[in-house]
Amino acid sequence: MDDLRAWAEAAKAMFDAAKSAIGLLPSGPKRDAAEAAVLEAEAAQARANALLAQHLGMKLCDCRFPPVPMTRPEGAEFPTCPECGRVDTFRKRLPPQGPGGGWMA
């Protein structure tokens, strides 16, 4: 999960750098096109983050679209949404394991 977080942070840093560079361009149609392209790429990245998180089995928060992957902050017991702060306290109970502890016990 740390790799996924690092990947998302790297993508955000790249978009921030692109926005800064666009800010240096003079106003006009080329600047408008560059801003639109960065916004479209950010939206695509957000959808890709949600899809990847879903495929990895992470919880998603539907506080906005696309959904936000919920992360487990250091020392936290439950996943939390970094956008709205919602905590997912649902825990799937697993059957006991070991001799005599199966689902029919």
N, C-alpha and C. Protein backbone atom coordinates (compact mmCIF):
# COMPACT_ATOMS: atom_id res chain seq x y z
N MET A 1 0.81 -1.19 0.00
CA MET A 1 0.00 0.00 0.00
C MET A 1 0.86 1.27 0.00
N ASP A 2 2.06 1.16 0.57
CA ASP A 2 2.95 2.32 0.57
C ASP A 2 3.36 2.69 -0.85
N ASP A 3 3.51 1.66 -1.71
CA ASP A 3 3.86 1.92 -3.10
C ASP A 3 2.75 2.66 -3.81
N LEU A 4 1.50 2.28 -3.52
CA LEU A 4 0.35 2.95 -4.12
C LEU A 4 0.29 4.40 -3.67
N ARG A 5 0.53 4.63 -2.39
CA ARG A 5 0.52 5.99 -1.86
C ARG A 5 1.63 6.82 -2.50
N ALA A 6 2.82 6.24 -2.64
CA ALA A 6 3.95 6.95 -3.26
C ALA A 6 3.64 7.27 -4.72
N TRP A 7 2.99 6.34 -5.42
CA TRP A 7 2.62 6.55 -6.81
C TRP A 7 1.64 7.72 -6.92
N ALA A 8 0.63 7.75 -6.05
CA ALA A 8 -0.36 8.82 -6.07
C ALA A 8 0.28 10.17 -5.73
N GLU A 9 1.19 10.17 -4.76
CA GLU A 9 1.86 11.42 -4.39
C GLU A 9 2.77 11.92 -5.52
N ALA A 10 3.41 11.00 -6.22
CA ALA A 10 4.26 11.39 -7.34
C ALA A 10 3.42 11.99 -8.47
N ALA A 11 2.27 11.39 -8.73
CA ALA A 11 1.38 11.93 -9.76
C ALA A 11 0.90 13.32 -9.38
N LYS A 12 0.55 13.52 -8.11
CA LYS A 12 0.09 14.83 -7.65
C LYS A 12 1.21 15.86 -7.80
N ALA A 13 2.42 15.49 -7.45
CA ALA A 13 3.55 16.41 -7.58
C ALA A 13 3.78 16.79 -9.05
N MET A 14 3.60 15.83 -9.93
CA MET A 14 3.77 16.09 -11.36
C MET A 14 2.70 17.07 -11.84
N PHE A 15 1.46 16.88 -11.41
CA PHE A 15 0.39 17.80 -11.82
C PHE A 15 0.62 19.20 -11.23
N ASP A 16 1.09 19.27 -10.00
CA ASP A 16 1.38 20.57 -9.39
C ASP A 16 2.48 21.30 -10.17
N ALA A 17 3.50 20.56 -10.59
CA ALA A 17 4.59 21.16 -11.38
C ALA A 17 4.07 21.65 -12.73
N ALA A 18 3.20 20.86 -13.35
CA ALA A 18 2.64 21.27 -14.63
C ALA A 18 1.79 22.53 -14.48
N LYS A 19 1.01 22.62 -13.41
CA LYS A 19 0.20 23.81 -13.17
C LYS A 19 1.09 25.04 -12.95
N SER A 20 2.19 24.86 -12.25
CA SER A 20 3.11 25.97 -12.03
C SER A 20 3.72 26.44 -13.35
N ALA A 21 4.08 25.50 -14.19
CA ALA A 21 4.66 25.85 -15.49
C ALA A 21 3.63 26.56 -16.36
N ILE A 22 2.39 26.10 -16.31
CA ILE A 22 1.33 26.74 -17.10
C ILE A 22 1.12 28.18 -16.64
N GLY A 23 1.27 28.40 -15.33
CA GLY A 23 1.12 29.74 -14.80
C GLY A 23 2.11 30.73 -15.37
N LEU A 24 3.21 30.25 -15.90
CA LEU A 24 4.22 31.12 -16.49
C LEU A 24 3.90 31.50 -17.94
N LEU A 25 2.96 30.79 -18.55
CA LEU A 25 2.59 31.07 -19.94
C LEU A 25 1.75 32.34 -20.02
N PRO A 26 1.87 33.07 -21.11
CA PRO A 26 1.01 34.24 -21.28
C PRO A 26 -0.44 33.80 -21.55
N SER A 27 -1.38 34.64 -21.15
CA SER A 27 -2.80 34.33 -21.37
C SER A 27 -3.05 34.17 -22.86
N GLY A 28 -3.95 33.26 -23.17
CA GLY A 28 -4.29 33.05 -24.57
C GLY A 28 -4.81 31.64 -24.79
N PRO A 29 -5.07 31.30 -26.03
CA PRO A 29 -5.65 29.99 -26.33
C PRO A 29 -4.72 28.82 -26.00
N LYS A 30 -3.42 29.00 -26.15
CA LYS A 30 -2.49 27.91 -25.85
C LYS A 30 -2.47 27.62 -24.34
N ARG A 31 -2.50 28.68 -23.54
CA ARG A 31 -2.53 28.50 -22.09
C ARG A 31 -3.84 27.83 -21.68
N ASP A 32 -4.96 28.26 -22.27
CA ASP A 32 -6.26 27.66 -21.96
C ASP A 32 -6.27 26.17 -22.32
N ALA A 33 -5.69 25.83 -23.46
CA ALA A 33 -5.64 24.43 -23.88
C ALA A 33 -4.77 23.61 -22.93
N ALA A 34 -3.66 24.18 -22.49
CA ALA A 34 -2.77 23.48 -21.55
C ALA A 34 -3.47 23.26 -20.21
N GLU A 35 -4.18 24.28 -19.72
CA GLU A 35 -4.92 24.14 -18.46
C GLU A 35 -5.99 23.06 -18.57
N ALA A 36 -6.70 23.03 -19.69
CA ALA A 36 -7.74 22.03 -19.90
C ALA A 36 -7.14 20.63 -19.96
N ALA A 37 -5.99 20.50 -20.61
CA ALA A 37 -5.34 19.19 -20.71
C ALA A 37 -4.90 18.69 -19.34
N VAL A 38 -4.38 19.57 -18.51
CA VAL A 38 -3.95 19.16 -17.17
C VAL A 38 -5.15 18.76 -16.32
N LEU A 39 -6.24 19.52 -16.40
CA LEU A 39 -7.45 19.17 -15.65
C LEU A 39 -8.01 17.82 -16.08
N GLU A 40 -8.00 17.57 -17.38
CA GLU A 40 -8.48 16.29 -17.90
C GLU A 40 -7.57 15.14 -17.44
N ALA A 41 -6.27 15.37 -17.45
CA ALA A 41 -5.33 14.34 -17.00
C ALA A 41 -5.49 14.07 -15.50
N GLU A 42 -5.73 15.13 -14.71
CA GLU A 42 -5.96 14.93 -13.27
C GLU A 42 -7.21 14.10 -13.01
N ALA A 43 -8.27 14.35 -13.78
CA ALA A 43 -9.50 13.59 -13.62
C ALA A 43 -9.27 12.12 -13.99
N ALA A 44 -8.54 11.89 -15.06
CA ALA A 44 -8.23 10.51 -15.46
C ALA A 44 -7.38 9.82 -14.40
N GLN A 45 -6.44 10.54 -13.81
CA GLN A 45 -5.59 9.97 -12.75
C GLN A 45 -6.44 9.61 -11.53
N ALA A 46 -7.39 10.46 -11.16
CA ALA A 46 -8.26 10.18 -10.02
C ALA A 46 -9.10 8.93 -10.27
N ARG A 47 -9.61 8.78 -11.49
CA ARG A 47 -10.39 7.57 -11.82
C ARG A 47 -9.50 6.33 -11.78
N ALA A 48 -8.26 6.46 -12.27
CA ALA A 48 -7.33 5.33 -12.25
C ALA A 48 -6.97 4.96 -10.81
N ASN A 49 -6.78 5.95 -9.95
CA ASN A 49 -6.49 5.67 -8.53
C ASN A 49 -7.62 4.89 -7.89
N ALA A 50 -8.85 5.30 -8.15
CA ALA A 50 -10.01 4.62 -7.56
C ALA A 50 -10.12 3.19 -8.08
N LEU A 51 -9.92 3.01 -9.37
CA LEU A 51 -10.01 1.67 -9.96
C LEU A 51 -8.91 0.76 -9.42
N LEU A 52 -7.70 1.27 -9.34
CA LEU A 52 -6.59 0.48 -8.81
C LEU A 52 -6.84 0.11 -7.36
N ALA A 53 -7.29 1.06 -6.56
CA ALA A 53 -7.57 0.79 -5.15
C ALA A 53 -8.66 -0.26 -5.01
N GLN A 54 -9.68 -0.18 -5.85
CA GLN A 54 -10.76 -1.16 -5.80
C GLN A 54 -10.24 -2.56 -6.14
N HIS A 55 -9.40 -2.66 -7.17
CA HIS A 55 -8.84 -3.95 -7.56
C HIS A 55 -7.91 -4.52 -6.48
N LEU A 56 -7.31 -3.64 -5.70
CA LEU A 56 -6.44 -4.09 -4.60
C LEU A 56 -7.22 -4.41 -3.34
N GLY A 57 -8.54 -4.23 -3.38
CA GLY A 57 -9.38 -4.57 -2.23
C GLY A 57 -9.49 -3.47 -1.19
N MET A 58 -9.07 -2.26 -1.52
CA MET A 58 -9.18 -1.16 -0.57
C MET A 58 -10.62 -0.65 -0.52
N LYS A 59 -10.99 -0.08 0.61
CA LYS A 59 -12.29 0.54 0.76
C LYS A 59 -12.30 1.86 0.00
N LEU A 60 -13.45 2.23 -0.55
CA LEU A 60 -13.60 3.49 -1.26
C LEU A 60 -14.68 4.32 -0.56
N CYS A 61 -14.46 5.62 -0.48
CA CYS A 61 -15.43 6.55 0.10
C CYS A 61 -16.13 7.25 -1.06
N ASP A 62 -17.45 7.34 -0.99
CA ASP A 62 -18.20 7.97 -2.07
C ASP A 62 -18.56 9.43 -1.77
N CYS A 63 -17.68 10.12 -1.03
CA CYS A 63 -17.94 11.53 -0.72
C CYS A 63 -17.81 12.42 -1.95
N ARG A 64 -17.16 11.94 -2.98
CA ARG A 64 -17.05 12.67 -4.24
C ARG A 64 -16.85 11.66 -5.36
N PHE A 65 -16.91 12.14 -6.60
CA PHE A 65 -16.67 11.28 -7.74
C PHE A 65 -15.43 11.77 -8.46
N PRO A 66 -14.55 10.88 -8.83
CA PRO A 66 -14.53 9.45 -8.56
C PRO A 66 -14.28 9.17 -7.08
N PRO A 67 -14.64 7.95 -6.63
CA PRO A 67 -14.48 7.62 -5.22
C PRO A 67 -13.05 7.78 -4.74
N VAL A 68 -12.91 8.05 -3.46
CA VAL A 68 -11.60 8.28 -2.84
C VAL A 68 -11.16 7.01 -2.13
N PRO A 69 -9.95 6.49 -2.41
CA PRO A 69 -9.46 5.33 -1.66
C PRO A 69 -9.27 5.70 -0.19
N MET A 70 -9.80 4.85 0.69
CA MET A 70 -9.65 5.07 2.13
C MET A 70 -8.33 4.45 2.57
N THR A 71 -7.59 5.17 3.38
CA THR A 71 -6.31 4.69 3.86
C THR A 71 -6.37 4.51 5.37
N ARG A 72 -5.45 3.76 5.89
CA ARG A 72 -5.38 3.56 7.33
C ARG A 72 -4.22 4.37 7.87
N PRO A 73 -4.52 5.52 8.50
CA PRO A 73 -3.44 6.35 9.05
C PRO A 73 -2.62 5.60 10.09
N GLU A 74 -1.41 6.05 10.29
CA GLU A 74 -0.50 5.43 11.25
C GLU A 74 -1.19 5.26 12.61
N GLY A 75 -1.25 4.04 13.10
CA GLY A 75 -1.82 3.76 14.41
C GLY A 75 -3.34 3.67 14.44
N ALA A 76 -4.01 3.89 13.31
CA ALA A 76 -5.47 3.83 13.27
C ALA A 76 -5.93 2.39 13.12
N GLU A 77 -7.10 2.11 13.67
CA GLU A 77 -7.64 0.76 13.60
C GLU A 77 -8.45 0.54 12.32
N PHE A 78 -9.08 1.61 11.82
CA PHE A 78 -9.97 1.49 10.67
C PHE A 78 -9.54 2.43 9.54
N PRO A 79 -9.91 2.06 8.29
CA PRO A 79 -9.61 2.94 7.15
C PRO A 79 -10.37 4.25 7.27
N THR A 80 -9.73 5.34 6.84
CA THR A 80 -10.31 6.68 6.92
C THR A 80 -10.19 7.37 5.57
N CYS A 81 -11.21 8.16 5.21
CA CYS A 81 -11.18 8.91 3.97
C CYS A 81 -10.33 10.16 4.17
N PRO A 82 -9.31 10.36 3.33
CA PRO A 82 -8.48 11.55 3.48
C PRO A 82 -9.19 12.84 3.07
N GLU A 83 -10.31 12.73 2.34
CA GLU A 83 -11.04 13.92 1.89
C GLU A 83 -12.04 14.41 2.93
N CYS A 84 -12.94 13.51 3.39
CA CYS A 84 -14.02 13.94 4.28
C CYS A 84 -13.83 13.47 5.73
N GLY A 85 -12.89 12.56 5.97
CA GLY A 85 -12.62 12.09 7.32
C GLY A 85 -13.51 10.94 7.78
N ARG A 86 -14.39 10.43 6.91
CA ARG A 86 -15.26 9.31 7.27
C ARG A 86 -14.42 8.09 7.64
N VAL A 87 -14.84 7.41 8.70
CA VAL A 87 -14.13 6.22 9.16
C VAL A 87 -15.00 5.01 8.87
N ASP A 88 -14.42 4.00 8.23
CA ASP A 88 -15.15 2.78 7.91
C ASP A 88 -14.93 1.78 9.03
N THR A 89 -15.93 1.62 9.88
CA THR A 89 -15.80 0.73 11.04
C THR A 89 -16.35 -0.66 10.76
N PHE A 90 -16.79 -0.92 9.52
CA PHE A 90 -17.30 -2.24 9.19
C PHE A 90 -16.15 -3.23 9.14
N ARG A 91 -16.31 -4.30 9.87
CA ARG A 91 -15.30 -5.35 9.86
C ARG A 91 -15.94 -6.65 9.43
N LYS A 92 -15.37 -7.26 8.44
CA LYS A 92 -15.85 -8.56 7.99
C LYS A 92 -15.34 -9.61 8.97
N ARG A 93 -16.25 -10.34 9.56
CA ARG A 93 -15.83 -11.37 10.51
C ARG A 93 -15.41 -12.62 9.76
N LEU A 94 -14.24 -13.09 10.07
CA LEU A 94 -13.72 -14.30 9.45
C LEU A 94 -13.99 -15.47 10.38
N PRO A 95 -14.26 -16.65 9.82
CA PRO A 95 -14.51 -17.81 10.67
C PRO A 95 -13.22 -18.19 11.43
N PRO A 96 -13.38 -18.76 12.61
CA PRO A 96 -12.20 -19.21 13.36
C PRO A 96 -11.41 -20.24 12.55
N GLN A 97 -10.13 -20.25 12.68
CA GLN A 97 -9.28 -21.18 11.95
C GLN A 97 -8.72 -22.23 12.92
N GLY A 98 -8.23 -23.30 12.35
CA GLY A 98 -7.59 -24.32 13.18
C GLY A 98 -8.50 -25.50 13.43
N PRO A 99 -8.00 -26.52 14.16
CA PRO A 99 -8.78 -27.72 14.43
C PRO A 99 -10.04 -27.41 15.23
N GLY A 100 -11.17 -27.87 14.73
CA GLY A 100 -12.42 -27.69 15.44
C GLY A 100 -12.94 -26.27 15.39
N GLY A 101 -12.32 -25.41 14.64
CA GLY A 101 -12.75 -24.01 14.61
C GLY A 101 -13.29 -23.59 13.26
N GLY A 102 -13.67 -24.53 12.42
CA GLY A 102 -14.18 -24.19 11.10
C GLY A 102 -15.57 -23.62 11.18
N TRP A 103 -16.16 -23.36 10.04
CA TRP A 103 -17.46 -22.72 10.00
C TRP A 103 -18.57 -23.62 10.50
N MET A 104 -18.34 -24.95 10.55
CA MET A 104 -19.39 -25.86 11.03
C MET A 104 -19.26 -26.15 12.52
N ALA A 105 -18.25 -25.58 13.18
CA ALA A 105 -18.05 -25.88 14.60
C ALA A 105 -19.13 -25.26 15.46
